[in-house]
């Protein structure tokens, strides 16, 4: 055999070994993927909540959050309206913080 034939045989043998190693690696990866899939199936059946179980909880929580937001918004509107309503009433009676004559009207004497 010539040197070229020896080199060709070595390359073929190396390619065969490399292919066998690649097959072993792929087989190992497939086994890990199968294990991961079985873990995911168990988690889906036991750990996670289905939409049918989640919808009532979501409705209750959304209702509570909506009630709190409505209460805060109502309180803010009430504060603003009452402040301006009181200022309007004072101005209607002739007393206002910007009226310099309010001490002479008899309210503080």
N, C-alpha and C. Protein backbone atom coordinates (compact mmCIF):
# COMPACT_ATOMS: atom_id res chain seq x y z
N UNK A 1 0.82 -1.17 0.00
CA UNK A 1 0.00 0.00 0.00
C UNK A 1 0.87 1.24 0.00
N UNK A 2 0.32 2.17 -0.67
CA UNK A 2 1.06 3.42 -0.76
C UNK A 2 0.63 4.33 0.37
N UNK A 3 1.38 5.38 0.47
CA UNK A 3 1.08 6.35 1.52
C UNK A 3 -0.27 7.00 1.31
N UNK A 4 -0.66 7.26 0.10
CA UNK A 4 -1.95 7.88 -0.21
C UNK A 4 -3.08 6.95 0.20
N UNK A 5 -2.91 5.65 -0.05
CA UNK A 5 -3.95 4.69 0.33
C UNK A 5 -4.06 4.62 1.85
N UNK A 6 -2.91 4.65 2.56
CA UNK A 6 -2.94 4.64 4.02
C UNK A 6 -3.65 5.88 4.57
N UNK A 7 -3.35 7.02 3.98
CA UNK A 7 -4.00 8.25 4.41
C UNK A 7 -5.50 8.19 4.16
N UNK A 8 -5.91 7.65 3.04
CA UNK A 8 -7.33 7.54 2.72
C UNK A 8 -8.02 6.61 3.71
N UNK A 9 -7.36 5.49 4.08
CA UNK A 9 -7.95 4.57 5.06
C UNK A 9 -8.08 5.23 6.43
N UNK A 10 -7.03 5.96 6.82
CA UNK A 10 -7.08 6.65 8.11
C UNK A 10 -8.21 7.69 8.13
N UNK A 11 -8.36 8.40 7.04
CA UNK A 11 -9.43 9.41 6.98
C UNK A 11 -10.80 8.75 7.05
N UNK A 12 -10.95 7.59 6.36
CA UNK A 12 -12.22 6.86 6.41
C UNK A 12 -12.50 6.37 7.84
N UNK A 13 -11.46 5.83 8.48
CA UNK A 13 -11.61 5.33 9.84
C UNK A 13 -11.94 6.48 10.80
N UNK A 14 -11.28 7.61 10.62
CA UNK A 14 -11.56 8.79 11.45
C UNK A 14 -12.98 9.27 11.22
N UNK A 15 -13.41 9.28 9.97
CA UNK A 15 -14.77 9.71 9.66
C UNK A 15 -15.78 8.74 10.28
N UNK A 16 -15.50 7.46 10.24
CA UNK A 16 -16.39 6.45 10.83
C UNK A 16 -16.48 6.63 12.34
N UNK A 17 -15.34 6.87 12.99
CA UNK A 17 -15.32 7.07 14.44
C UNK A 17 -16.05 8.37 14.79
N UNK A 18 -15.79 9.41 13.99
CA UNK A 18 -16.46 10.68 14.23
C UNK A 18 -17.97 10.53 14.07
N UNK A 19 -18.40 9.80 13.06
CA UNK A 19 -19.82 9.57 12.84
C UNK A 19 -20.43 8.78 13.99
N UNK A 20 -19.71 7.78 14.48
CA UNK A 20 -20.20 6.98 15.60
C UNK A 20 -20.31 7.85 16.86
N UNK A 21 -19.33 8.72 17.08
CA UNK A 21 -19.37 9.61 18.24
C UNK A 21 -20.54 10.59 18.10
N UNK A 22 -20.75 11.10 16.90
CA UNK A 22 -21.86 12.03 16.68
C UNK A 22 -23.20 11.34 16.92
N UNK A 23 -23.30 10.07 16.49
CA UNK A 23 -24.53 9.31 16.72
C UNK A 23 -24.75 9.11 18.22
N UNK A 24 -23.68 8.84 18.95
CA UNK A 24 -23.80 8.65 20.40
C UNK A 24 -24.25 9.96 21.07
N UNK A 25 -23.69 11.08 20.62
CA UNK A 25 -24.06 12.37 21.20
C UNK A 25 -25.52 12.68 20.89
N UNK A 26 -25.95 12.44 19.66
CA UNK A 26 -27.33 12.70 19.28
C UNK A 26 -28.28 11.80 20.07
N UNK A 27 -27.90 10.53 20.24
CA UNK A 27 -28.72 9.61 21.02
C UNK A 27 -28.84 10.08 22.47
N UNK A 28 -27.75 10.53 23.03
CA UNK A 28 -27.77 11.05 24.40
C UNK A 28 -28.66 12.28 24.49
N UNK A 29 -28.56 13.19 23.52
CA UNK A 29 -29.40 14.38 23.50
C UNK A 29 -30.88 14.02 23.40
N UNK A 30 -31.19 13.03 22.59
CA UNK A 30 -32.59 12.60 22.44
C UNK A 30 -33.12 12.05 23.76
N UNK A 31 -32.30 11.31 24.48
CA UNK A 31 -32.73 10.79 25.79
C UNK A 31 -33.01 11.93 26.77
N UNK A 32 -32.16 12.95 26.76
CA UNK A 32 -32.39 14.11 27.63
C UNK A 32 -33.67 14.85 27.22
N UNK A 33 -33.90 14.98 25.94
CA UNK A 33 -35.11 15.66 25.47
C UNK A 33 -36.35 14.87 25.88
N UNK A 34 -36.29 13.56 25.78
CA UNK A 34 -37.42 12.74 26.22
C UNK A 34 -37.70 12.93 27.71
N UNK A 35 -36.64 13.00 28.50
CA UNK A 35 -36.80 13.25 29.93
C UNK A 35 -37.42 14.61 30.20
N UNK A 36 -36.96 15.62 29.47
CA UNK A 36 -37.52 16.97 29.63
C UNK A 36 -39.00 17.00 29.25
N UNK A 37 -39.35 16.31 28.18
CA UNK A 37 -40.75 16.28 27.76
C UNK A 37 -41.62 15.60 28.81
N UNK A 38 -41.12 14.52 29.39
CA UNK A 38 -41.92 13.85 30.43
C UNK A 38 -42.07 14.75 31.66
N UNK A 39 -41.03 15.53 32.01
CA UNK A 39 -41.14 16.47 33.13
C UNK A 39 -42.17 17.55 32.81
N UNK A 40 -42.18 18.04 31.60
CA UNK A 40 -43.14 19.07 31.19
C UNK A 40 -44.56 18.52 31.27
N UNK A 41 -44.75 17.29 30.85
CA UNK A 41 -46.08 16.70 30.92
C UNK A 41 -46.56 16.59 32.37
N UNK A 42 -45.66 16.21 33.27
CA UNK A 42 -46.03 16.10 34.68
C UNK A 42 -46.37 17.48 35.23
N UNK A 43 -45.57 18.50 34.89
CA UNK A 43 -45.84 19.85 35.37
C UNK A 43 -47.16 20.37 34.82
N UNK A 44 -47.47 20.09 33.58
CA UNK A 44 -48.73 20.54 33.00
C UNK A 44 -49.93 19.90 33.69
N UNK A 45 -49.78 18.65 34.09
CA UNK A 45 -50.90 17.95 34.73
C UNK A 45 -51.05 18.30 36.20
N UNK A 46 -49.95 18.58 36.89
CA UNK A 46 -50.00 18.75 38.34
C UNK A 46 -49.77 20.19 38.81
N UNK A 47 -48.84 20.87 38.21
CA UNK A 47 -48.39 22.15 38.76
C UNK A 47 -49.20 23.33 38.26
N UNK A 48 -49.46 23.40 37.00
CA UNK A 48 -50.08 24.59 36.42
C UNK A 48 -51.60 24.55 36.56
N UNK A 49 -52.19 25.74 36.55
CA UNK A 49 -53.63 25.89 36.70
C UNK A 49 -54.25 26.02 35.31
N UNK A 50 -55.38 25.37 35.10
CA UNK A 50 -56.05 25.47 33.81
C UNK A 50 -56.85 26.76 33.75
N UNK A 51 -57.25 27.13 32.56
CA UNK A 51 -58.03 28.36 32.39
C UNK A 51 -59.39 28.26 33.09
N UNK A 52 -59.98 27.09 33.11
CA UNK A 52 -61.27 26.91 33.77
C UNK A 52 -61.15 27.16 35.27
N UNK A 53 -60.02 26.77 35.87
CA UNK A 53 -59.81 27.02 37.29
C UNK A 53 -59.41 28.46 37.56
N UNK A 54 -58.81 29.12 36.58
CA UNK A 54 -58.26 30.46 36.78
C UNK A 54 -59.30 31.56 36.57
N UNK A 55 -60.30 31.34 35.73
CA UNK A 55 -61.27 32.39 35.39
C UNK A 55 -62.02 32.94 36.60
N UNK A 56 -62.52 32.14 37.53
CA UNK A 56 -63.20 32.72 38.70
C UNK A 56 -62.26 33.57 39.56
N UNK A 57 -61.04 33.10 39.73
CA UNK A 57 -60.06 33.86 40.52
C UNK A 57 -59.76 35.19 39.84
N UNK A 58 -59.62 35.16 38.53
CA UNK A 58 -59.35 36.38 37.78
C UNK A 58 -60.51 37.36 37.91
N UNK A 59 -61.72 36.85 37.85
CA UNK A 59 -62.89 37.73 37.96
C UNK A 59 -62.95 38.38 39.34
N UNK A 60 -62.66 37.63 40.38
CA UNK A 60 -62.68 38.17 41.74
C UNK A 60 -61.59 39.23 41.91
N UNK A 61 -60.40 38.92 41.46
CA UNK A 61 -59.29 39.87 41.62
C UNK A 61 -59.54 41.13 40.80
N UNK A 62 -59.99 40.98 39.56
CA UNK A 62 -60.29 42.15 38.75
C UNK A 62 -61.39 42.99 39.39
N UNK A 63 -62.39 42.34 39.98
CA UNK A 63 -63.45 43.07 40.66
C UNK A 63 -62.94 43.85 41.85
N UNK A 64 -62.05 43.24 42.64
CA UNK A 64 -61.49 43.93 43.79
C UNK A 64 -60.63 45.11 43.36
N UNK A 65 -59.80 44.90 42.37
CA UNK A 65 -58.94 45.99 41.89
C UNK A 65 -59.79 47.12 41.31
N UNK A 66 -60.82 46.76 40.58
CA UNK A 66 -61.72 47.77 40.03
C UNK A 66 -62.42 48.57 41.12
N UNK A 67 -62.83 47.89 42.18
CA UNK A 67 -63.48 48.58 43.30
C UNK A 67 -62.53 49.55 43.98
N UNK A 68 -61.30 49.12 44.21
CA UNK A 68 -60.31 50.00 44.85
C UNK A 68 -60.02 51.20 43.96
N UNK A 69 -59.84 50.96 42.66
CA UNK A 69 -59.56 52.07 41.73
C UNK A 69 -60.75 53.04 41.68
N UNK A 70 -61.96 52.51 41.68
CA UNK A 70 -63.15 53.36 41.66
C UNK A 70 -63.25 54.19 42.95
N UNK A 71 -62.91 53.59 44.08
CA UNK A 71 -62.94 54.31 45.34
C UNK A 71 -61.91 55.45 45.36
N UNK A 72 -60.71 55.17 44.87
CA UNK A 72 -59.67 56.20 44.83
C UNK A 72 -60.08 57.32 43.89
N UNK A 73 -60.58 56.97 42.74
CA UNK A 73 -61.02 57.98 41.77
C UNK A 73 -62.18 58.80 42.33
N UNK A 74 -63.12 58.15 42.98
CA UNK A 74 -64.23 58.87 43.59
C UNK A 74 -63.77 59.82 44.69
N UNK A 75 -62.80 59.38 45.49
CA UNK A 75 -62.27 60.24 46.55
C UNK A 75 -61.57 61.46 45.96
N UNK A 76 -60.80 61.26 44.91
CA UNK A 76 -60.12 62.39 44.27
C UNK A 76 -61.12 63.37 43.68
N UNK A 77 -62.12 62.86 43.02
CA UNK A 77 -63.15 63.74 42.43
C UNK A 77 -63.89 64.47 43.54
N UNK A 78 -64.19 63.77 44.62
CA UNK A 78 -64.88 64.42 45.74
C UNK A 78 -64.03 65.53 46.34
N UNK A 79 -62.74 65.29 46.52
CA UNK A 79 -61.87 66.33 47.06
C UNK A 79 -61.85 67.56 46.16
N UNK A 80 -61.73 67.33 44.87
CA UNK A 80 -61.67 68.46 43.94
C UNK A 80 -63.00 69.20 43.91
N UNK A 81 -64.09 68.47 43.81
CA UNK A 81 -65.40 69.10 43.71
C UNK A 81 -65.74 69.84 45.00
N UNK A 82 -65.48 69.23 46.14
CA UNK A 82 -65.78 69.90 47.41
C UNK A 82 -64.94 71.14 47.60
N UNK A 83 -63.69 71.08 47.22
CA UNK A 83 -62.83 72.26 47.37
C UNK A 83 -63.37 73.42 46.54
N UNK A 84 -63.68 73.14 45.29
CA UNK A 84 -64.18 74.21 44.45
C UNK A 84 -65.61 74.62 44.81
N UNK A 85 -66.40 73.68 45.32
CA UNK A 85 -67.74 74.02 45.75
C UNK A 85 -67.70 74.93 46.97
N UNK A 86 -66.82 74.65 47.92
CA UNK A 86 -66.68 75.51 49.09
C UNK A 86 -66.17 76.89 48.69
N UNK A 87 -65.21 76.92 47.76
CA UNK A 87 -64.70 78.20 47.28
C UNK A 87 -65.82 78.97 46.57
N UNK A 88 -66.64 78.27 45.82
CA UNK A 88 -67.76 78.91 45.13
C UNK A 88 -68.76 79.47 46.15
N UNK A 89 -69.05 78.71 47.19
CA UNK A 89 -69.99 79.16 48.21
C UNK A 89 -69.44 80.38 48.95
N UNK A 90 -68.14 80.35 49.26
CA UNK A 90 -67.54 81.50 49.93
C UNK A 90 -67.58 82.73 49.02
N UNK A 91 -67.29 82.55 47.76
CA UNK A 91 -67.31 83.68 46.83
C UNK A 91 -68.72 84.20 46.68
N UNK A 92 -69.70 83.33 46.73
CA UNK A 92 -71.09 83.74 46.62
C UNK A 92 -71.52 84.56 47.82
N UNK A 93 -70.98 84.21 48.99
CA UNK A 93 -71.30 84.97 50.20
C UNK A 93 -70.49 86.26 50.29
N UNK A 94 -69.52 86.41 49.44
CA UNK A 94 -68.73 87.63 49.45
C UNK A 94 -67.39 87.47 50.10
N UNK A 95 -67.06 86.27 50.58
CA UNK A 95 -65.76 86.05 51.20
C UNK A 95 -64.97 85.16 50.27
N UNK A 96 -63.76 85.55 50.01
CA UNK A 96 -62.85 84.74 49.21
C UNK A 96 -61.44 85.04 49.68
N UNK A 97 -60.53 84.12 49.54
CA UNK A 97 -59.16 84.36 49.99
C UNK A 97 -58.52 85.56 49.29
N UNK A 98 -58.98 85.88 48.11
CA UNK A 98 -58.38 87.00 47.38
C UNK A 98 -59.13 88.31 47.66
N UNK A 99 -60.20 88.28 48.44
CA UNK A 99 -60.97 89.48 48.77
C UNK A 99 -60.32 90.16 49.98
N UNK A 100 -59.81 91.36 49.80
CA UNK A 100 -59.12 92.05 50.89
C UNK A 100 -60.09 92.64 51.90
N UNK A 101 -61.31 92.75 51.56
CA UNK A 101 -62.28 93.37 52.45
C UNK A 101 -63.02 92.34 53.29
N UNK A 102 -62.61 91.12 53.34
CA UNK A 102 -63.37 90.12 54.07
C UNK A 102 -63.32 90.33 55.57
N UNK A 103 -62.32 91.04 56.10
CA UNK A 103 -62.28 91.30 57.53
C UNK A 103 -63.28 92.41 57.91
N UNK A 104 -63.66 93.22 56.96
CA UNK A 104 -64.58 94.33 57.26
C UNK A 104 -66.03 93.91 57.06
N UNK A 105 -66.29 92.70 56.65
CA UNK A 105 -67.66 92.26 56.39
C UNK A 105 -68.38 91.85 57.68
N UNK A 106 -67.65 91.74 58.79
CA UNK A 106 -68.29 91.37 60.01
C UNK A 106 -68.19 89.89 60.35
N UNK A 107 -67.53 89.10 59.56
CA UNK A 107 -67.44 87.68 59.84
C UNK A 107 -66.49 87.38 61.00
N UNK A 108 -65.49 88.20 61.19
CA UNK A 108 -64.49 87.94 62.23
C UNK A 108 -64.56 88.94 63.38
N UNK A 109 -65.61 89.73 63.49
CA UNK A 109 -65.66 90.71 64.56
C UNK A 109 -66.46 90.18 65.73
